[in-house]
Amino acid sequence: MSSFRKALCVATLAACVLILQGCSAVKLAYNQVPHLAYWQLNRYLGLSDIQTERVRDELGVLHQWHRDTMLPRHAELLQTVQQQLPDAVAPDQACRTYDAVRTQIDKVISQAEPKLVWLATQLTDSQIRNLQKKQADSNAEWKKEWVDITRDQLRERRFKLLQSRAEGFYGALEEPQKAALRAFIAQSLFEPQRHYAERLRRQKDLVQVLQKIAEDRTNTEQARSLLRGYISRFNASPDAGYQRYAQALLKESCEGFSRVHNAMTAAQRAKAVQSVKGYEQDFLVLAAQ
């Protein structure tokens, strides 16, 4: 995800990310989302005092809407997941869960759209240049971490990352599960250089959209259309080759989850059910606040 879009969506995606990755302090993390989202936006843009006041208010409104409207839906989704986890999970089941999460994320982004349009029309040329600088800094770090390493280092980095996420749900992995995870990684289509190239395309696209909006900041309808176009191209790259790659990678991810989950013991699956149940209960408590 491009740095700026990540900043714009921190508030809207946080709960969905928690669904997928887990968090030992869900309630604390969720209640801090407006502050963290503002911090991220200010870091990339350098907001003025007037912008800061409006952005903080808008994030608060969006957060309350998410609490009232989306947290119960997240909890419902987690109930479905709990019913699936005790048994073997087929790849198409994993993909359906992914699609359900994406649908919920899209609803939140749609709710956030007017706020994003307003902010885009307020950005100065200096703020857009600051965004470009932050993008470059972030890209250098990402490239160092994922591209400028050997294939063995890449496989080990992915293994540690995915092992950590899995153990957040299932508890400590044993050798059969580690072997399944390593086998998935060894056969993976994942190509960091392709992700890096698409990352650069998305960032350039975003900057061009913001520069176009800046040419006529009073034209709200044009700004809305331009931002919708950017989000559409973010979700489905105009590069047909990358689209095919992304679809293949998604299919592979569903198959990989199925393979690793099905290698889990009954006790590990039971632990996953309890983990997800805890997140569901946290979401319901938060929704009631």
Protein backbone atom coordinates (compact mmCIF):
# COMPACT_ATOMS: atom_id res chain seq x y z
CA MET A 1 0.00 0.00 0.00
CA SER A 2 1.34 3.46 -0.84
CA SER A 3 2.36 5.50 2.18
CA PHE A 4 -0.23 8.25 1.67
CA ARG A 5 -3.11 5.89 1.06
CA LYS A 6 -2.02 3.97 4.12
CA ALA A 7 -2.18 7.19 6.10
CA LEU A 8 -5.62 8.04 4.76
CA CYS A 9 -6.95 4.59 5.55
CA VAL A 10 -5.36 3.88 8.93
CA ALA A 11 -8.54 4.79 10.76
CA THR A 12 -10.76 2.79 8.45
CA LEU A 13 -8.68 -0.34 8.15
CA ALA A 14 -7.41 -0.80 11.68
CA ALA A 15 -10.19 -3.05 12.91
CA CYS A 16 -10.08 -5.16 9.76
CA VAL A 17 -6.34 -5.58 10.13
CA LEU A 18 -6.94 -6.75 13.68
CA ILE A 19 -9.34 -9.37 12.33
CA LEU A 20 -6.59 -10.83 10.17
CA GLN A 21 -3.52 -10.40 12.35
CA GLY A 22 -4.72 -10.29 15.90
CA CYS A 23 -3.72 -7.94 18.69
CA SER A 24 -3.16 -8.59 22.38
CA ALA A 25 -4.53 -5.17 23.25
CA VAL A 26 -7.37 -4.76 20.77
CA LYS A 27 -9.38 -2.32 22.89
CA LEU A 28 -6.43 -0.03 23.57
CA ALA A 29 -5.30 -0.14 19.93
CA TYR A 30 -8.77 0.58 18.59
CA ASN A 31 -9.37 3.55 20.87
CA GLN A 32 -6.06 5.05 19.75
CA VAL A 33 -6.89 4.83 16.03
CA PRO A 34 -7.93 8.49 15.52
CA HIS A 35 -4.72 9.71 17.16
CA LEU A 36 -2.55 7.30 15.17
CA ALA A 37 -4.30 8.20 11.92
CA TYR A 38 -3.75 11.90 12.54
CA TRP A 39 -0.11 11.30 13.42
CA GLN A 40 0.42 9.39 10.17
CA LEU A 41 -1.27 12.05 8.06
CA ASN A 42 0.67 14.84 9.73
CA ARG A 43 3.92 12.91 9.29
CA TYR A 44 3.46 12.62 5.54
CA LEU A 45 1.86 15.98 4.85
CA GLY A 46 2.71 18.46 7.58
CA LEU A 47 -0.83 19.66 8.29
CA SER A 48 -1.59 23.29 9.02
CA ASP A 49 -3.42 24.32 12.20
CA ILE A 50 -6.68 24.77 10.30
CA GLN A 51 -6.29 21.41 8.57
CA THR A 52 -5.39 19.76 11.86
CA GLU A 53 -8.59 20.92 13.56
CA ARG A 54 -10.80 19.67 10.72
CA VAL A 55 -8.91 16.39 10.28
CA ARG A 56 -9.10 15.56 13.99
CA ASP A 57 -12.85 16.24 13.98
CA GLU A 58 -13.41 14.17 10.84
CA LEU A 59 -11.39 11.25 12.19
CA GLY A 60 -13.44 11.33 15.37
CA VAL A 61 -16.70 11.24 13.42
CA LEU A 62 -15.47 8.43 11.19
CA HIS A 63 -14.23 6.45 14.18
CA GLN A 64 -17.60 6.74 15.93
CA TRP A 65 -19.41 5.64 12.78
CA HIS A 66 -17.08 2.67 12.50
CA ARG A 67 -17.68 1.78 16.14
CA ASP A 68 -21.46 1.93 15.74
CA THR A 69 -21.79 0.42 12.27
CA MET A 70 -18.84 -1.77 11.38
CA LEU A 71 -17.64 -3.36 14.62
CA PRO A 72 -20.83 -5.46 14.91
CA ARG A 73 -20.26 -6.61 11.30
CA HIS A 74 -16.66 -7.49 12.07
CA ALA A 75 -17.90 -9.51 15.05
CA GLU A 76 -20.39 -11.37 12.82
CA LEU A 77 -17.61 -12.24 10.40
CA LEU A 78 -15.50 -13.57 13.26
CA GLN A 79 -18.38 -15.78 14.35
CA THR A 80 -18.35 -17.38 10.90
CA VAL A 81 -14.59 -17.84 11.08
CA GLN A 82 -14.88 -19.55 14.46
CA GLN A 83 -17.27 -22.11 12.98
CA GLN A 84 -14.76 -22.96 10.24
CA LEU A 85 -11.54 -23.20 12.22
CA PRO A 86 -12.06 -26.55 14.03
CA ASP A 87 -12.17 -28.37 10.69
CA ALA A 88 -10.02 -28.46 7.59
CA VAL A 89 -10.39 -25.27 5.54
CA ALA A 90 -10.48 -25.42 1.76
CA PRO A 91 -8.77 -22.71 -0.31
CA ASP A 92 -12.09 -21.38 -1.61
CA GLN A 93 -13.30 -20.96 1.99
CA ALA A 94 -10.23 -18.90 2.81
CA CYS A 95 -10.79 -16.75 -0.27
CA ARG A 96 -14.43 -16.17 0.67
CA THR A 97 -13.32 -14.89 4.06
CA TYR A 98 -10.82 -12.59 2.35
CA ASP A 99 -13.58 -11.30 0.06
CA ALA A 100 -15.82 -10.64 3.06
CA VAL A 101 -13.08 -8.62 4.75
CA ARG A 102 -12.46 -6.64 1.56
CA THR A 103 -16.17 -5.88 1.29
CA GLN A 104 -16.19 -4.46 4.81
CA ILE A 105 -13.09 -2.39 4.10
CA ASP A 106 -14.70 -1.00 0.95
CA LYS A 107 -17.74 0.10 2.96
CA VAL A 108 -15.54 2.06 5.33
CA ILE A 109 -13.55 3.68 2.53
CA SER A 110 -16.83 4.70 0.90
CA GLN A 111 -17.91 6.32 4.18
CA ALA A 112 -14.57 8.12 4.38
CA GLU A 113 -14.71 9.41 0.80
CA PRO A 114 -16.11 12.92 1.48
CA LYS A 115 -13.45 13.47 4.14
CA LEU A 116 -10.70 12.34 1.79
CA VAL A 117 -12.02 14.59 -0.98
CA TRP A 118 -11.99 17.61 1.36
CA LEU A 119 -8.45 16.92 2.50
CA ALA A 120 -7.20 16.42 -1.07
CA THR A 121 -8.61 19.83 -2.07
CA GLN A 122 -6.81 21.52 0.83
CA LEU A 123 -3.29 20.27 0.13
CA THR A 124 -0.72 22.85 -0.89
CA ASP A 125 2.06 22.33 -3.42
CA SER A 126 4.50 22.24 -0.52
CA GLN A 127 2.54 19.47 1.20
CA ILE A 128 2.46 17.41 -1.99
CA ARG A 129 6.24 17.79 -2.29
CA ASN A 130 6.57 16.70 1.35
CA LEU A 131 4.51 13.64 0.50
CA GLN A 132 6.88 12.83 -2.36
CA LYS A 133 9.88 13.10 -0.05
CA LYS A 134 8.28 10.79 2.51
CA GLN A 135 7.41 8.35 -0.27
CA ALA A 136 11.05 8.30 -1.39
CA ASP A 137 12.25 7.70 2.17
CA SER A 138 9.72 4.91 2.64
CA ASN A 139 10.63 3.34 -0.69
CA ALA A 140 14.33 3.26 0.17
CA GLU A 141 13.53 1.45 3.41
CA TRP A 142 11.14 -0.99 1.73
CA LYS A 143 13.62 -1.75 -1.04
CA LYS A 144 16.38 -2.35 1.48
CA GLU A 145 14.17 -4.69 3.49
CA TRP A 146 12.57 -6.68 0.67
CA VAL A 147 14.43 -6.19 -2.63
CA ASP A 148 18.12 -5.76 -1.80
CA ILE A 149 18.48 -9.14 -0.13
CA THR A 150 19.27 -12.66 -1.26
CA ARG A 151 16.59 -15.22 -2.05
CA ASP A 152 17.50 -17.16 1.10
CA GLN A 153 17.19 -14.01 3.20
CA LEU A 154 13.82 -13.27 1.59
CA ARG A 155 12.49 -16.73 2.35
CA GLU A 156 13.66 -16.50 5.97
CA ARG A 157 12.15 -13.05 6.42
CA ARG A 158 8.82 -14.21 5.07
CA PHE A 159 8.96 -17.33 7.24
CA LYS A 160 9.53 -15.34 10.43
CA LEU A 161 6.78 -12.87 9.55
CA LEU A 162 4.20 -15.53 8.71
CA GLN A 163 5.23 -17.69 11.67
CA SER A 164 4.66 -14.75 14.02
CA ARG A 165 1.20 -14.10 12.58
CA ALA A 166 0.23 -17.77 12.74
CA GLU A 167 1.43 -18.14 16.32
CA GLY A 168 -0.72 -15.16 17.30
CA PHE A 169 -3.72 -17.38 16.58
CA TYR A 170 -2.61 -20.97 16.93
CA GLY A 171 0.08 -20.75 19.58
CA ALA A 172 3.61 -22.08 19.10
CA LEU A 173 4.10 -23.95 15.83
CA GLU A 174 5.60 -27.41 15.88
CA GLU A 175 7.80 -28.94 13.18
CA PRO A 176 4.96 -30.24 10.95
CA GLN A 177 3.39 -26.78 10.80
CA LYS A 178 6.74 -25.08 10.26
CA ALA A 179 7.47 -27.52 7.45
CA ALA A 180 4.13 -26.72 5.80
CA LEU A 181 4.85 -23.01 6.08
CA ARG A 182 8.35 -23.36 4.64
CA ALA A 183 7.02 -25.48 1.76
CA PHE A 184 4.47 -22.78 0.94
CA ILE A 185 7.14 -20.07 0.95
CA ALA A 186 9.54 -22.15 -1.14
CA GLN A 187 6.93 -22.52 -3.91
CA SER A 188 5.59 -18.98 -3.66
CA LEU A 189 5.20 -16.69 -6.68
CA PHE A 190 6.00 -13.67 -4.51
CA GLU A 191 8.37 -11.29 -6.35
CA PRO A 192 9.39 -8.22 -4.33
CA GLN A 193 10.63 -6.38 -7.42
CA ARG A 194 7.17 -6.56 -9.00
CA HIS A 195 5.61 -5.22 -5.81
CA TYR A 196 8.18 -2.46 -5.72
CA ALA A 197 7.46 -1.43 -9.31
CA GLU A 198 3.71 -1.36 -8.61
CA ARG A 199 4.34 0.59 -5.42
CA LEU A 200 6.16 3.25 -7.42
CA ARG A 201 3.38 3.33 -10.03
CA ARG A 202 0.72 3.83 -7.37
CA GLN A 203 2.66 6.60 -5.68
CA LYS A 204 3.27 8.44 -8.94
CA ASP A 205 -0.42 8.03 -9.78
CA LEU A 206 -1.42 9.52 -6.43
CA VAL A 207 0.88 12.51 -6.75
CA GLN A 208 -0.42 13.23 -10.25
CA VAL A 209 -4.01 13.04 -9.00
CA LEU A 210 -3.29 15.44 -6.13
CA GLN A 211 -1.48 17.84 -8.47
CA LYS A 212 -4.47 17.78 -10.83
CA ILE A 213 -6.83 18.50 -7.94
CA ALA A 214 -4.59 21.38 -6.86
CA GLU A 215 -5.10 23.06 -10.24
CA ASP A 216 -8.73 23.74 -9.27
CA ARG A 217 -9.26 23.13 -5.56
CA THR A 218 -12.83 24.47 -5.69
CA ASN A 219 -13.98 21.74 -8.09
CA THR A 220 -15.17 19.15 -5.58
CA GLU A 221 -16.81 16.91 -8.16
CA GLN A 222 -13.61 16.68 -10.17
CA ALA A 223 -11.65 15.91 -7.00
CA ARG A 224 -14.09 13.14 -6.10
CA SER A 225 -13.86 11.65 -9.59
CA LEU A 226 -10.07 11.79 -9.59
CA LEU A 227 -9.79 10.13 -6.18
CA ARG A 228 -12.25 7.40 -7.16
CA GLY A 229 -10.16 6.74 -10.24
CA TYR A 230 -7.03 6.46 -8.14
CA ILE A 231 -8.63 4.02 -5.71
CA SER A 232 -9.93 1.96 -8.62
CA ARG A 233 -6.46 1.79 -10.17
CA PHE A 234 -5.00 0.98 -6.77
CA ASN A 235 -7.33 -1.98 -6.39
CA ALA A 236 -6.92 -3.14 -10.00
CA SER A 237 -3.66 -2.06 -11.58
CA PRO A 238 -3.81 -0.78 -15.17
CA ASP A 239 -0.83 -3.06 -15.74
CA ALA A 240 -2.52 -6.23 -17.02
CA GLY A 241 0.54 -8.30 -16.19
CA TYR A 242 0.49 -7.14 -12.59
CA GLN A 243 -3.25 -7.81 -12.38
CA ARG A 244 -2.67 -11.43 -13.40
CA TYR A 245 0.20 -11.69 -10.93
CA ALA A 246 -1.90 -10.23 -8.09
CA GLN A 247 -4.74 -12.65 -8.79
CA ALA A 248 -2.34 -15.59 -8.87
CA LEU A 249 -0.78 -14.44 -5.61
CA LEU A 250 -4.20 -14.17 -3.96
CA LYS A 251 -5.10 -17.68 -5.09
CA GLU A 252 -1.76 -18.89 -3.79
CA SER A 253 -2.33 -17.19 -0.43
CA CYS A 254 -5.68 -18.92 0.02
CA GLU A 255 -4.08 -22.25 -0.85
CA GLY A 256 -1.19 -21.53 1.51
CA PHE A 257 -3.49 -20.70 4.40
CA SER A 258 -5.44 -23.89 3.75
CA ARG A 259 -2.24 -25.96 3.70
CA VAL A 260 -0.86 -24.50 6.92
CA HIS A 261 -4.19 -24.54 8.78
CA ASN A 262 -4.83 -28.14 7.80
CA ALA A 263 -1.42 -29.06 9.22
CA MET A 264 -2.45 -27.75 12.64
CA THR A 265 -3.32 -30.11 15.48
CA ALA A 266 -6.78 -30.16 17.04
CA ALA A 267 -5.38 -28.32 20.06
CA GLN A 268 -3.89 -25.60 17.88
CA ARG A 269 -7.16 -25.15 16.02
CA ALA A 270 -8.99 -24.92 19.33
CA LYS A 271 -6.54 -22.22 20.40
CA ALA A 272 -7.30 -20.34 17.18
CA VAL A 273 -11.04 -20.53 17.91
CA GLN A 274 -10.47 -19.07 21.36
CA SER A 275 -8.24 -16.33 19.95
CA VAL A 276 -10.86 -15.29 17.40
CA LYS A 277 -13.60 -15.52 20.03
CA GLY A 278 -11.63 -13.08 22.16
CA TYR A 279 -11.41 -10.60 19.28
CA GLU A 280 -15.14 -10.97 18.63
CA GLN A 281 -15.96 -10.21 22.25
CA ASP A 282 -13.61 -7.22 22.25
CA PHE A 283 -15.32 -5.82 19.15
CA LEU A 284 -18.76 -6.21 20.73
CA VAL A 285 -17.61 -4.48 23.94
CA LEU A 286 -16.11 -1.64 21.90
CA ALA A 287 -19.28 -1.31 19.83
CA ALA A 288 -21.31 -0.87 23.01
CA GLN A 289 -19.16 1.97 24.36
